[in-house]
Protein backbone atom coordinates (compact mmCIF):
# COMPACT_ATOMS: atom_id res chain seq x y z
CA MET A 1 -19.00 17.43 -37.56
CA THR A 2 -17.09 20.38 -36.24
CA ASP A 3 -20.34 22.12 -35.35
CA ILE A 4 -21.18 19.51 -32.70
CA THR A 5 -20.08 20.20 -29.14
CA ILE A 6 -20.32 17.79 -26.22
CA ARG A 7 -20.52 18.93 -22.63
CA ILE A 8 -22.36 18.40 -19.36
CA ALA A 9 -25.84 19.90 -19.55
CA GLU A 10 -26.49 23.02 -17.47
CA PRO A 11 -29.76 23.90 -15.66
CA GLU A 12 -30.77 26.12 -18.58
CA ASP A 13 -30.61 23.04 -20.85
CA LEU A 14 -33.20 21.14 -18.80
CA GLU A 15 -36.19 21.72 -21.06
CA GLY A 16 -34.26 20.55 -24.11
CA VAL A 17 -33.14 17.40 -22.30
CA ILE A 18 -36.72 16.67 -21.19
CA SER A 19 -38.01 17.19 -24.73
CA LEU A 20 -35.46 14.81 -26.27
CA TRP A 21 -36.04 12.17 -23.55
CA HIS A 22 -39.79 12.36 -24.14
CA ASP A 23 -39.43 12.13 -27.93
CA VAL A 24 -37.14 9.09 -27.78
CA PHE A 25 -38.47 7.11 -24.81
CA GLY A 26 -42.06 8.38 -24.63
CA ASP A 27 -42.04 8.93 -20.86
CA ASP A 28 -44.24 11.58 -19.22
CA GLU A 29 -42.71 14.98 -18.62
CA GLU A 30 -43.48 14.83 -14.88
CA PHE A 31 -41.54 11.58 -14.49
CA ILE A 32 -38.58 12.86 -16.54
CA ARG A 33 -38.45 16.05 -14.49
CA ASP A 34 -38.58 14.12 -11.19
CA PHE A 35 -35.90 11.72 -12.39
CA LEU A 36 -33.53 14.45 -13.57
CA SER A 37 -34.09 16.43 -10.38
CA ALA A 38 -33.04 13.40 -8.31
CA LEU A 39 -30.17 12.70 -10.72
CA ALA A 40 -28.73 16.16 -10.05
CA CYS A 41 -27.86 14.94 -6.53
CA CYS A 42 -25.82 11.97 -7.74
CA GLY A 43 -24.85 12.45 -11.38
CA TYR A 44 -25.41 14.50 -14.51
CA THR A 45 -26.63 14.51 -18.10
CA ALA A 46 -24.10 14.84 -20.91
CA ALA A 47 -25.34 16.17 -24.24
CA ALA A 48 -24.29 16.78 -27.83
CA PHE A 49 -25.27 20.21 -29.09
CA GLN A 50 -25.56 21.64 -32.58
CA GLY A 51 -25.71 25.29 -31.77
CA LYS A 52 -28.31 25.46 -28.99
CA GLU A 53 -30.17 22.34 -30.10
CA ILE A 54 -29.66 19.15 -28.08
CA CYS A 55 -29.08 16.27 -30.49
CA SER A 56 -28.16 13.39 -28.17
CA ILE A 57 -27.87 12.67 -24.44
CA THR A 58 -26.81 10.14 -21.88
CA THR A 59 -26.95 10.27 -18.10
CA VAL A 60 -24.23 9.32 -15.65
CA ILE A 61 -25.35 7.99 -12.28
CA ARG A 62 -22.92 7.88 -9.39
CA ASP A 63 -23.59 6.93 -5.72
CA LEU A 64 -22.36 3.41 -6.47
CA SER A 65 -19.27 1.65 -5.20
CA MET A 66 -17.52 -1.70 -5.19
CA GLU A 67 -15.04 -2.56 -2.46
CA ASP A 68 -14.77 1.18 -1.65
CA GLN A 69 -14.02 1.94 -5.33
CA PRO A 70 -16.49 4.58 -6.64
CA CYS A 71 -18.48 3.52 -9.71
CA SER A 72 -20.47 5.30 -12.40
CA TYR A 73 -23.35 3.89 -14.45
CA LEU A 74 -23.92 5.14 -18.02
CA TYR A 75 -27.69 5.17 -18.52
CA ALA A 76 -30.40 6.32 -20.95
CA VAL A 77 -28.57 6.93 -24.22
CA ALA A 78 -30.89 8.79 -26.60
CA THR A 79 -30.46 10.53 -29.96
CA GLN A 80 -32.96 12.52 -32.02
CA ASN A 81 -34.00 10.66 -35.18
CA GLU A 82 -32.52 13.20 -37.59
CA TYR A 83 -29.10 12.92 -35.92
CA ARG A 84 -28.83 9.15 -35.82
CA GLY A 85 -26.06 7.50 -37.78
CA ARG A 86 -23.59 10.28 -36.96
CA HIS A 87 -21.88 8.47 -34.05
CA LEU A 88 -23.08 11.04 -31.49
CA ALA A 89 -23.97 8.40 -28.89
CA SER A 90 -20.50 6.87 -29.05
CA ARG A 91 -18.90 10.32 -28.76
CA ILE A 92 -20.99 11.19 -25.69
CA LEU A 93 -20.27 7.83 -24.05
CA ASP A 94 -16.56 8.30 -24.68
CA PHE A 95 -16.77 11.80 -23.18
CA CYS A 96 -18.49 10.38 -20.06
CA ARG A 97 -16.05 7.48 -19.80
CA LYS A 98 -13.04 9.78 -19.87
CA THR A 99 -14.67 12.22 -17.43
CA GLU A 100 -15.38 9.47 -14.91
CA GLU A 101 -12.11 7.58 -15.29
CA GLU A 102 -10.13 10.78 -14.79
CA LEU A 103 -11.85 10.97 -11.40
CA GLY A 104 -10.74 7.41 -10.62
CA ARG A 105 -14.20 5.91 -11.02
CA LEU A 106 -15.04 2.49 -12.47
CA VAL A 107 -17.55 2.75 -15.32
CA PHE A 108 -20.21 0.29 -16.48
CA THR A 109 -23.40 0.19 -18.50
CA ALA A 110 -26.26 -2.17 -19.30
CA PRO A 111 -27.01 -2.70 -23.01
CA ALA A 112 -30.74 -2.64 -23.71
CA GLU A 113 -30.40 -5.44 -26.29
CA PRO A 114 -27.95 -8.39 -26.48
CA GLU A 115 -26.58 -7.21 -29.84
CA LEU A 116 -25.44 -3.96 -28.23
CA PHE A 117 -22.71 -5.71 -26.24
CA SER A 118 -20.52 -5.75 -29.37
CA TRP A 119 -21.39 -2.11 -30.10
CA TYR A 120 -20.21 -1.03 -26.64
CA GLU A 121 -17.05 -3.07 -27.11
CA LYS A 122 -16.28 -1.21 -30.35
CA THR A 123 -17.27 2.28 -29.23
CA ILE A 124 -15.95 2.56 -25.68
CA HIS A 125 -13.80 -0.57 -25.36
CA ALA A 126 -16.16 -2.28 -22.92
CA LYS A 127 -15.19 -5.93 -22.65
CA HIS A 128 -15.96 -7.41 -19.25
CA ILE A 129 -19.44 -8.91 -19.14
CA VAL A 130 -21.25 -9.83 -15.93
CA SER A 131 -24.20 -12.18 -15.96
CA CYS A 132 -27.19 -12.82 -13.75
CA ARG A 133 -29.73 -15.61 -13.48
CA LEU A 134 -32.86 -14.54 -15.34
CA ASN A 135 -35.90 -16.52 -14.25
CA TYR A 136 -39.59 -16.63 -15.09
CA ALA A 137 -42.36 -17.85 -12.80
CA GLU A 138 -46.14 -18.09 -12.84
CA THR A 139 -48.73 -17.92 -10.09
CA GLN A 140 -49.19 -21.03 -7.95
CA GLN A 141 -52.07 -21.18 -5.52
CA GLU A 142 -50.64 -23.68 -3.03
CA THR A 143 -47.51 -21.74 -2.00
CA PRO A 144 -47.63 -20.18 1.51
CA LEU A 145 -47.31 -16.39 1.26
CA LEU A 146 -45.11 -13.99 3.23
CA SER A 147 -45.69 -10.48 4.51
CA ILE A 148 -45.00 -7.74 1.96
CA GLU A 149 -44.71 -3.98 2.32
CA LYS A 150 -43.48 -1.07 0.26
CA ILE A 151 -40.39 0.58 1.76
CA ASP A 152 -38.32 3.68 1.10
CA ALA A 153 -34.87 3.83 -0.49
CA PRO A 154 -32.82 4.11 2.74
CA SER A 155 -34.60 1.12 4.29
CA TYR A 156 -34.08 -0.90 1.12
CA GLY A 157 -30.40 -0.04 1.13
CA ILE A 158 -29.91 -1.21 4.72
CA LEU A 159 -31.65 -4.53 4.05
CA ARG A 160 -29.76 -4.95 0.76
CA GLU A 161 -26.36 -4.62 2.43
CA ARG A 162 -27.44 -6.98 5.20
CA ILE A 163 -28.40 -9.69 2.69
CA LEU A 164 -25.31 -9.20 0.51
CA ALA A 165 -22.80 -8.97 3.38
CA GLY A 166 -19.79 -11.15 2.69
CA HIS A 167 -20.52 -11.44 -1.04
CA PRO A 168 -18.78 -9.34 -3.72
CA HIS A 169 -21.30 -6.82 -5.03
CA VAL A 170 -21.84 -3.25 -6.11
CA THR A 171 -23.20 -1.16 -3.25
CA ALA A 172 -26.02 1.22 -4.18
CA GLY A 173 -26.31 4.39 -2.10
CA SER A 174 -29.62 5.91 -1.03
CA LYS A 175 -29.56 8.50 -3.87
CA TYR A 176 -29.19 5.79 -6.51
CA LEU A 177 -31.89 3.75 -4.80
CA HIS A 178 -34.15 6.81 -4.81
CA LEU A 179 -33.77 6.96 -8.61
CA THR A 180 -34.66 3.27 -8.80
CA ASP A 181 -37.72 3.91 -6.65
CA ILE A 182 -38.81 6.80 -8.90
CA LEU A 183 -38.54 4.53 -11.94
CA CYS A 184 -40.37 1.58 -10.38
CA THR A 185 -43.08 3.78 -8.90
CA TYR A 186 -43.68 5.51 -12.24
CA TYR A 187 -44.51 2.15 -13.78
CA GLY A 188 -46.77 1.14 -10.89
CA GLY A 189 -44.37 -0.67 -8.59
CA GLY A 190 -41.67 0.24 -6.08
CA LEU A 191 -39.17 -1.12 -3.57
CA TYR A 192 -40.50 -3.92 -1.35
CA ARG A 193 -39.67 -5.97 1.71
CA ILE A 194 -41.04 -9.51 1.47
CA GLY A 195 -40.46 -11.40 4.70
CA THR A 196 -36.70 -11.10 5.20
CA SER A 197 -36.15 -10.53 1.47
CA ILE A 198 -36.28 -7.49 -0.83
CA ALA A 199 -37.22 -6.73 -4.43
CA ALA A 200 -37.51 -3.81 -6.85
CA VAL A 201 -40.59 -4.53 -8.98
CA TYR A 202 -42.96 -2.95 -11.50
CA PRO A 203 -45.59 -4.20 -13.99
CA GLU A 204 -44.35 -4.48 -17.57
CA GLU A 205 -46.72 -5.38 -20.41
CA GLU A 206 -48.13 -8.82 -19.59
CA MET A 207 -45.87 -9.66 -16.62
CA LEU A 208 -44.06 -8.19 -13.64
CA HIS A 209 -40.48 -7.05 -14.10
CA CYS A 210 -38.27 -7.54 -11.05
CA GLN A 211 -35.03 -5.61 -11.40
CA GLU A 212 -33.57 -7.28 -8.37
CA LEU A 213 -34.66 -10.03 -6.02
CA LEU A 214 -32.52 -10.84 -3.00
CA THR A 215 -33.72 -13.54 -0.62
CA GLY A 216 -32.93 -13.48 3.06
CA SER A 217 -33.94 -16.58 4.98
CA ASP A 218 -37.06 -17.04 2.81
CA SER A 219 -37.36 -19.49 -0.05
CA GLU A 220 -37.14 -17.99 -3.53
CA ASP A 221 -40.47 -19.56 -4.47
CA ALA A 222 -42.28 -18.05 -1.47
CA VAL A 223 -40.91 -14.57 -2.25
CA VAL A 224 -41.84 -14.78 -5.93
CA GLN A 225 -45.35 -16.07 -5.23
CA THR A 226 -45.94 -13.35 -2.62
CA ILE A 227 -45.01 -10.67 -5.16
CA LEU A 228 -47.25 -12.21 -7.82
CA HIS A 229 -50.24 -12.41 -5.49
CA SER A 230 -49.67 -8.88 -4.17
CA PHE A 231 -49.83 -7.46 -7.70
CA GLN A 232 -52.55 -9.91 -8.75
CA ALA A 233 -50.29 -10.85 -11.63
CA HIS A 234 -49.87 -14.20 -13.37
CA ARG A 235 -46.24 -14.06 -14.51
CA ILE A 236 -42.97 -12.49 -13.36
CA LYS A 237 -39.48 -12.02 -14.79
CA TYR A 238 -36.79 -11.58 -12.17
CA ARG A 239 -33.00 -11.32 -11.81
CA ILE A 240 -31.07 -12.98 -9.02
CA PRO A 241 -27.34 -13.61 -8.46
CA GLY A 242 -25.86 -16.42 -10.52
CA SER A 243 -24.55 -17.26 -13.98
CA GLY A 244 -26.93 -17.17 -16.89
CA THR A 245 -27.86 -14.09 -18.91
CA ASP A 246 -25.32 -11.39 -19.79
CA TYR A 247 -26.58 -8.01 -18.68
CA ILE A 248 -23.64 -5.78 -17.75
CA THR A 249 -20.67 -4.55 -19.71
CA ALA A 250 -17.90 -2.84 -17.78
CA VAL A 251 -15.93 -0.05 -19.43
CA SER A 252 -13.29 0.08 -16.71
CA PRO A 253 -11.77 -3.21 -15.56
CA PHE A 254 -13.68 -4.33 -12.47
CA PRO A 255 -11.87 -6.44 -9.84
CA HIS A 256 -14.79 -8.90 -9.77
CA SER A 257 -18.46 -8.93 -8.94
CA GLU A 258 -20.95 -11.63 -8.22
CA TRP A 259 -23.79 -9.13 -8.23
CA PHE A 260 -24.41 -5.70 -9.71
CA GLY A 261 -28.20 -5.67 -9.33
CA LEU A 262 -30.68 -2.82 -9.55
CA ILE A 263 -29.81 -1.83 -13.08
CA MET A 264 -32.37 0.63 -14.42
CA ASP A 265 -32.97 -0.93 -17.82
């Protein structure tokens, strides 16, 4: 496909990127525009073009680090239906990987489905898999509840580093956390402080989806039940540090990590 070019999208490509994102993921234009506007401060969109038409995209989010090593997250891979099967996604991901690694950045991604781990291994040589503990819980009436409040991205970041101090983890900067907040808020949730603990939560179909739950001095059960009661929900799915479910594949070799967290999946 010599007529396909891959490059970083420019401001004049914005409407085409929004249109493709909407067609593939179904998100509202206002959310996509807000997300891409915030992304411009800490990353970029890479796109495959046939002439002036955008055929496929992925976004690269920076403002992440591990042990002072800058990291980049490959997110939101999308291809127009008529261009699928032409390996455009793998070509864009390879373009982004090379771009980031040339800058000395570690690269990782989060496959949307378990079967995609092998696809990432084949296309961009991603091999290292990091797992988390994926739990489910339901409402219990007898559990004492904690205080809960919605907080902004900088406040969340401060509390997050305080809880994770001394444990290997990927540090999320305020710009990355702002993107997470935009995503959670769009779906009806946000970033929360629960007692001395924190969580990034939003409603998803018939349950709450908690992208990250980090407990301070509170019990896990008290934090989970407080979130459920606050949303008047009956069931929650949440990720916490620990071995269990594979959810990260690293393109660059990472030194180690007990916790990535806050993956916008």
